[in-house]
Amino acid sequence: MKLDLTQLMNKRIPSLSFDFSLRPEDVADAPALPGDITLRTPVHVAGQIVDNDGYMALHAQVSVTYATVCDRCLDPLENALSFPLDRIVTAGAAAVENIDEDDILWIQEGGIDFDREILEAVSLELPAYHLCSEDCPGLCDICGKKRGRECTCGEKKEIDPRMEIFQKLLDKMEK
């Protein structure tokens, strides 16, 4: 979505509020999300752009609900993600000398179109590891079922063949 900043640039208004939803499939050349992530809702973006004499500051709150699988047990799960997005908006380079280029939105044709930056921020804010619960037991190495509920492999002890000699020694010591 392109935000028209002409009134803000001409000092007619001190700030511009916005509130919109964004779907990745509607953005040309959108950055790809990780393969195991599916967005359940459109990305909701709400905030404002404030004029600070020479540059403008964009403050937004981004939120989305996504689906994925637990990295330990592969159960499906759904999470909500919400984070702030702050950027500097400017038309010239003089006002932004000591600012990281990733934090700058450049005004083009009287406005900004930052859909791609929003989707990129969503991709970067996603957790690297997803768990259904902190104490998720994961899958059994032997049978592949979820440990605890479905798997009974933990009840019987299997010994690495290379360590059988040590087990024999332990058995002798116990007798």
C-alpha atoms as a PDB file:
ATOM      1  CA  MET A   1       0.000   0.000   0.000  1.00  0.00           C
ATOM      2  CA  LYS A   2       1.366   3.368  -0.967  1.00  0.00           C
ATOM      3  CA  LEU A   3       1.046   6.114   1.632  1.00  0.00           C
ATOM      4  CA  ASP A   4       0.714   9.625   0.205  1.00  0.00           C
ATOM      5  CA  LEU A   5       2.967  11.975   2.207  1.00  0.00           C
ATOM      6  CA  THR A   6       2.456  15.193   0.231  1.00  0.00           C
ATOM      7  CA  GLN A   7       0.412  16.903   2.978  1.00  0.00           C
ATOM      8  CA  LEU A   8       3.005  15.929   5.559  1.00  0.00           C
ATOM      9  CA  MET A   9       5.878  17.129   3.358  1.00  0.00           C
ATOM     10  CA  ASN A  10       4.109  20.448   2.701  1.00  0.00           C
ATOM     11  CA  LYS A  11       3.656  20.973   6.481  1.00  0.00           C
ATOM     12  CA  ARG A  12      -0.148  20.937   6.235  1.00  0.00           C
ATOM     13  CA  ILE A  13      -0.421  18.228   8.899  1.00  0.00           C
ATOM     14  CA  PRO A  14       2.039  17.289  11.704  1.00  0.00           C
ATOM     15  CA  SER A  15       1.446  13.535  11.470  1.00  0.00           C
ATOM     16  CA  LEU A  16      -0.264  10.906   9.352  1.00  0.00           C
ATOM     17  CA  SER A  17      -1.938   7.841  10.874  1.00  0.00           C
ATOM     18  CA  PHE A  18      -2.433   4.608   8.941  1.00  0.00           C
ATOM     19  CA  ASP A  19      -4.067   1.251   9.506  1.00  0.00           C
ATOM     20  CA  PHE A  20      -4.162  -1.463   6.849  1.00  0.00           C
ATOM     21  CA  SER A  21      -3.869  -5.184   6.194  1.00  0.00           C
ATOM     22  CA  LEU A  22      -1.433  -6.770   3.808  1.00  0.00           C
ATOM     23  CA  ARG A  23      -1.427 -10.162   2.107  1.00  0.00           C
ATOM     24  CA  PRO A  24       1.928 -11.468   0.826  1.00  0.00           C
ATOM     25  CA  GLU A  25       0.399 -12.727  -2.412  1.00  0.00           C
ATOM     26  CA  ASP A  26      -0.646  -9.142  -3.259  1.00  0.00           C
ATOM     27  CA  VAL A  27       2.931  -7.838  -3.109  1.00  0.00           C
ATOM     28  CA  ALA A  28       5.071  -8.137  -6.207  1.00  0.00           C
ATOM     29  CA  ASP A  29       8.549  -9.528  -5.475  1.00  0.00           C
ATOM     30  CA  ALA A  30       7.598 -10.296  -1.861  1.00  0.00           C
ATOM     31  CA  PRO A  31      10.301 -11.921   0.258  1.00  0.00           C
ATOM     32  CA  ALA A  32       9.633 -15.595   0.873  1.00  0.00           C
ATOM     33  CA  LEU A  33       8.650 -16.859   4.290  1.00  0.00           C
ATOM     34  CA  PRO A  34      10.282 -20.022   5.633  1.00  0.00           C
ATOM     35  CA  GLY A  35       8.792 -23.120   4.018  1.00  0.00           C
ATOM     36  CA  ASP A  36       7.116 -24.434   7.173  1.00  0.00           C
ATOM     37  CA  ILE A  37       5.284 -21.145   7.910  1.00  0.00           C
ATOM     38  CA  THR A  38       1.769 -20.386   6.656  1.00  0.00           C
ATOM     39  CA  LEU A  39       0.129 -17.060   7.425  1.00  0.00           C
ATOM     40  CA  ARG A  40      -3.370 -17.590   8.854  1.00  0.00           C
ATOM     41  CA  THR A  41      -4.343 -13.911   8.776  1.00  0.00           C
ATOM     42  CA  PRO A  42      -3.297 -10.938   6.688  1.00  0.00           C
ATOM     43  CA  VAL A  43      -0.462  -8.892   8.182  1.00  0.00           C
ATOM     44  CA  HIS A  44      -2.036  -6.022  10.120  1.00  0.00           C
ATOM     45  CA  VAL A  45      -0.076  -2.756  10.231  1.00  0.00           C
ATOM     46  CA  ALA A  46      -1.121   0.277  12.293  1.00  0.00           C
ATOM     47  CA  GLY A  47       0.861   3.367  13.199  1.00  0.00           C
ATOM     48  CA  GLN A  48       1.774   6.881  12.238  1.00  0.00           C
ATOM     49  CA  ILE A  49       4.389   8.994  10.517  1.00  0.00           C
ATOM     50  CA  VAL A  50       5.483  12.112  12.395  1.00  0.00           C
ATOM     51  CA  ASP A  51       7.282  15.086  10.813  1.00  0.00           C
ATOM     52  CA  ASN A  52      10.508  15.958  12.654  1.00  0.00           C
ATOM     53  CA  ASP A  53      11.736  18.891  10.483  1.00  0.00           C
ATOM     54  CA  GLY A  54      14.078  17.338   7.969  1.00  0.00           C
ATOM     55  CA  TYR A  55      13.064  13.746   8.283  1.00  0.00           C
ATOM     56  CA  MET A  56       9.987  11.829   9.279  1.00  0.00           C
ATOM     57  CA  ALA A  57       9.716   8.996  11.781  1.00  0.00           C
ATOM     58  CA  LEU A  58       7.491   6.017  11.075  1.00  0.00           C
ATOM     59  CA  HIS A  59       6.262   4.092  14.130  1.00  0.00           C
ATOM     60  CA  ALA A  60       4.080   1.053  13.467  1.00  0.00           C
ATOM     61  CA  GLN A  61       2.862  -2.087  15.178  1.00  0.00           C
ATOM     62  CA  VAL A  62       2.805  -5.185  12.981  1.00  0.00           C
ATOM     63  CA  SER A  63       0.820  -8.292  13.894  1.00  0.00           C
ATOM     64  CA  VAL A  64      -0.018 -11.583  12.201  1.00  0.00           C
ATOM     65  CA  THR A  65      -1.132 -15.108  13.093  1.00  0.00           C
ATOM     66  CA  TYR A  66       0.783 -17.984  11.523  1.00  0.00           C
ATOM     67  CA  ALA A  67       0.758 -21.773  11.520  1.00  0.00           C
ATOM     68  CA  THR A  68       3.724 -24.110  11.651  1.00  0.00           C
ATOM     69  CA  VAL A  69       4.771 -27.368  13.324  1.00  0.00           C
ATOM     70  CA  CYS A  70       6.561 -28.053  16.591  1.00  0.00           C
ATOM     71  CA  ASP A  71      10.259 -28.569  15.920  1.00  0.00           C
ATOM     72  CA  ARG A  72      10.458 -31.415  18.448  1.00  0.00           C
ATOM     73  CA  CYS A  73       7.288 -33.474  17.929  1.00  0.00           C
ATOM     74  CA  LEU A  74       5.938 -32.190  14.582  1.00  0.00           C
ATOM     75  CA  ASP A  75       2.482 -31.411  16.042  1.00  0.00           C
ATOM     76  CA  PRO A  76       0.751 -28.527  14.247  1.00  0.00           C
ATOM     77  CA  LEU A  77       0.615 -25.248  16.140  1.00  0.00           C
ATOM     78  CA  GLU A  78      -0.589 -21.702  15.622  1.00  0.00           C
ATOM     79  CA  ASN A  79       1.120 -18.605  17.035  1.00  0.00           C
ATOM     80  CA  ALA A  80       0.589 -14.865  17.001  1.00  0.00           C
ATOM     81  CA  LEU A  81       3.454 -12.524  16.201  1.00  0.00           C
ATOM     82  CA  SER A  82       3.424  -8.841  17.087  1.00  0.00           C
ATOM     83  CA  PHE A  83       6.333  -6.420  16.959  1.00  0.00           C
ATOM     84  CA  PRO A  84       7.102  -2.710  16.531  1.00  0.00           C
ATOM     85  CA  LEU A  85       8.468  -1.405  13.253  1.00  0.00           C
ATOM     86  CA  ASP A  86      10.352   1.909  13.352  1.00  0.00           C
ATOM     87  CA  ARG A  87      11.862   3.546  10.296  1.00  0.00           C
ATOM     88  CA  ILE A  88      13.142   6.933   9.186  1.00  0.00           C
ATOM     89  CA  VAL A  89      11.298   8.375   6.176  1.00  0.00           C
ATOM     90  CA  THR A  90      13.167  10.895   4.056  1.00  0.00           C
ATOM     91  CA  ALA A  91      13.577  12.223   0.553  1.00  0.00           C
ATOM     92  CA  GLY A  92      17.218  13.328   0.902  1.00  0.00           C
ATOM     93  CA  ALA A  93      20.420  11.805   2.193  1.00  0.00           C
ATOM     94  CA  ALA A  94      21.540  14.835   4.240  1.00  0.00           C
ATOM     95  CA  ALA A  95      19.278  14.084   7.216  1.00  0.00           C
ATOM     96  CA  VAL A  96      20.269  10.443   7.576  1.00  0.00           C
ATOM     97  CA  GLU A  97      24.058  10.367   7.665  1.00  0.00           C
ATOM     98  CA  ASN A  98      24.577   8.083  10.682  1.00  0.00           C
ATOM     99  CA  ILE A  99      21.604   5.750  10.260  1.00  0.00           C
ATOM    100  CA  ASP A 100      21.670   2.182   8.989  1.00  0.00           C
ATOM    101  CA  GLU A 101      20.308   2.026   5.439  1.00  0.00           C
ATOM    102  CA  ASP A 102      17.911  -0.786   6.409  1.00  0.00           C
ATOM    103  CA  ASP A 103      16.142   1.644   8.760  1.00  0.00           C
ATOM    104  CA  ILE A 104      15.394   4.189   6.008  1.00  0.00           C
ATOM    105  CA  LEU A 105      12.344   4.410   3.766  1.00  0.00           C
ATOM    106  CA  TRP A 106      12.894   6.693   0.781  1.00  0.00           C
ATOM    107  CA  ILE A 107      10.083   8.922  -0.439  1.00  0.00           C
ATOM    108  CA  GLN A 108       9.360   8.334  -4.113  1.00  0.00           C
ATOM    109  CA  GLU A 109       6.750  10.249  -6.094  1.00  0.00           C
ATOM    110  CA  GLY A 110       5.361  11.930  -2.971  1.00  0.00           C
ATOM    111  CA  GLY A 111       4.902   8.793  -0.891  1.00  0.00           C
ATOM    112  CA  ILE A 112       6.263   5.530   0.384  1.00  0.00           C
ATOM    113  CA  ASP A 113       5.389   1.953  -0.458  1.00  0.00           C
ATOM    114  CA  PHE A 114       6.820  -0.228   2.292  1.00  0.00           C
ATOM    115  CA  ASP A 115       4.880  -3.478   1.854  1.00  0.00           C
ATOM    116  CA  ARG A 116       8.038  -5.391   0.952  1.00  0.00           C
ATOM    117  CA  GLU A 117       9.836  -4.054   4.059  1.00  0.00           C
ATOM    118  CA  ILE A 118       6.920  -5.142   6.265  1.00  0.00           C
ATOM    119  CA  LEU A 119       6.980  -8.689   4.898  1.00  0.00           C
ATOM    120  CA  GLU A 120      10.751  -8.817   5.251  1.00  0.00           C
ATOM    121  CA  ALA A 121      10.445  -7.701   8.885  1.00  0.00           C
ATOM    122  CA  VAL A 122       7.821 -10.405   9.523  1.00  0.00           C
ATOM    123  CA  SER A 123      10.173 -13.019   8.088  1.00  0.00           C
ATOM    124  CA  LEU A 124      13.039 -11.777  10.271  1.00  0.00           C
ATOM    125  CA  GLU A 125      10.933 -11.553  13.442  1.00  0.00           C
ATOM    126  CA  LEU A 126       9.688 -15.146  13.245  1.00  0.00           C
ATOM    127  CA  PRO A 127      11.249 -17.324  15.942  1.00  0.00           C
ATOM    128  CA  ALA A 128      13.973 -19.652  14.752  1.00  0.00           C
ATOM    129  CA  TYR A 129      12.574 -22.486  16.865  1.00  0.00           C
ATOM    130  CA  HIS A 130       8.899 -23.373  17.429  1.00  0.00           C
ATOM    131  CA  LEU A 131       7.699 -25.510  20.339  1.00  0.00           C
ATOM    132  CA  CYS A 132       4.186 -26.640  21.253  1.00  0.00           C
ATOM    133  CA  SER A 133       5.280 -26.419  24.913  1.00  0.00           C
ATOM    134  CA  GLU A 134       8.561 -25.818  26.718  1.00  0.00           C
ATOM    135  CA  ASP A 135       8.574 -29.377  28.052  1.00  0.00           C
ATOM    136  CA  CYS A 136       7.698 -31.056  24.749  1.00  0.00           C
ATOM    137  CA  PRO A 137       9.350 -34.503  24.881  1.00  0.00           C
ATOM    138  CA  GLY A 138       9.851 -34.756  21.127  1.00  0.00           C
ATOM    139  CA  LEU A 139       9.916 -37.899  19.011  1.00  0.00           C
ATOM    140  CA  CYS A 140      11.482 -41.221  19.934  1.00  0.00           C
ATOM    141  CA  ASP A 141      14.742 -42.005  18.133  1.00  0.00           C
ATOM    142  CA  ILE A 142      13.788 -45.657  17.842  1.00  0.00           C
ATOM    143  CA  CYS A 143      10.108 -45.833  16.858  1.00  0.00           C
ATOM    144  CA  GLY A 144       9.445 -42.259  15.705  1.00  0.00           C
ATOM    145  CA  LYS A 145       6.357 -41.813  17.901  1.00  0.00           C
ATOM    146  CA  LYS A 146       5.841 -39.013  20.389  1.00  0.00           C
ATOM    147  CA  ARG A 147       7.717 -39.805  23.584  1.00  0.00           C
ATOM    148  CA  GLY A 148       5.708 -40.457  26.717  1.00  0.00           C
ATOM    149  CA  ARG A 149       2.188 -40.875  25.322  1.00  0.00           C
ATOM    150  CA  GLU A 150       2.605 -43.082  22.263  1.00  0.00           C
ATOM    151  CA  CYS A 151       6.097 -44.526  22.691  1.00  0.00           C
ATOM    152  CA  THR A 152       7.056 -47.298  25.075  1.00  0.00           C
ATOM    153  CA  CYS A 153      10.652 -47.649  23.916  1.00  0.00           C
ATOM    154  CA  GLY A 154      11.935 -45.741  26.944  1.00  0.00           C
ATOM    155  CA  GLU A 155      10.779 -48.542  29.245  1.00  0.00           C
ATOM    156  CA  LYS A 156      13.173 -51.053  27.730  1.00  0.00           C
ATOM    157  CA  LYS A 157      16.835 -50.173  27.759  1.00  0.00           C
ATOM    158  CA  GLU A 158      18.812 -50.800  24.638  1.00  0.00           C
ATOM    159  CA  ILE A 159      22.561 -50.824  24.913  1.00  0.00           C
ATOM    160  CA  ASP A 160      24.976 -49.764  22.266  1.00  0.00           C
ATOM    161  CA  PRO A 161      26.749 -52.982  21.148  1.00  0.00           C
ATOM    162  CA  ARG A 162      30.106 -51.299  21.698  1.00  0.00           C
ATOM    163  CA  MET A 163      29.221 -50.755  25.358  1.00  0.00           C
ATOM    164  CA  GLU A 164      27.971 -54.288  26.154  1.00  0.00           C
ATOM    165  CA  ILE A 165      31.257 -55.146  27.839  1.00  0.00           C
ATOM    166  CA  PHE A 166      30.681 -52.377  30.376  1.00  0.00           C
ATOM    167  CA  GLN A 167      27.148 -53.619  31.048  1.00  0.00           C
ATOM    168  CA  LYS A 168      28.525 -57.093  31.778  1.00  0.00           C
ATOM    169  CA  LEU A 169      30.967 -55.551  34.269  1.00  0.00           C
ATOM    170  CA  LEU A 170      28.131 -53.618  35.941  1.00  0.00           C
ATOM    171  CA  ASP A 171      26.007 -56.763  36.152  1.00  0.00           C
ATOM    172  CA  LYS A 172      28.911 -58.660  37.827  1.00  0.00           C
ATOM    173  CA  MET A 173      29.387 -55.848  40.355  1.00  0.00           C
ATOM    174  CA  GLU A 174      25.712 -55.890  41.307  1.00  0.00           C
ATOM    175  CA  LYS A 175      25.748 -59.659  42.064  1.00  0.00           C
END
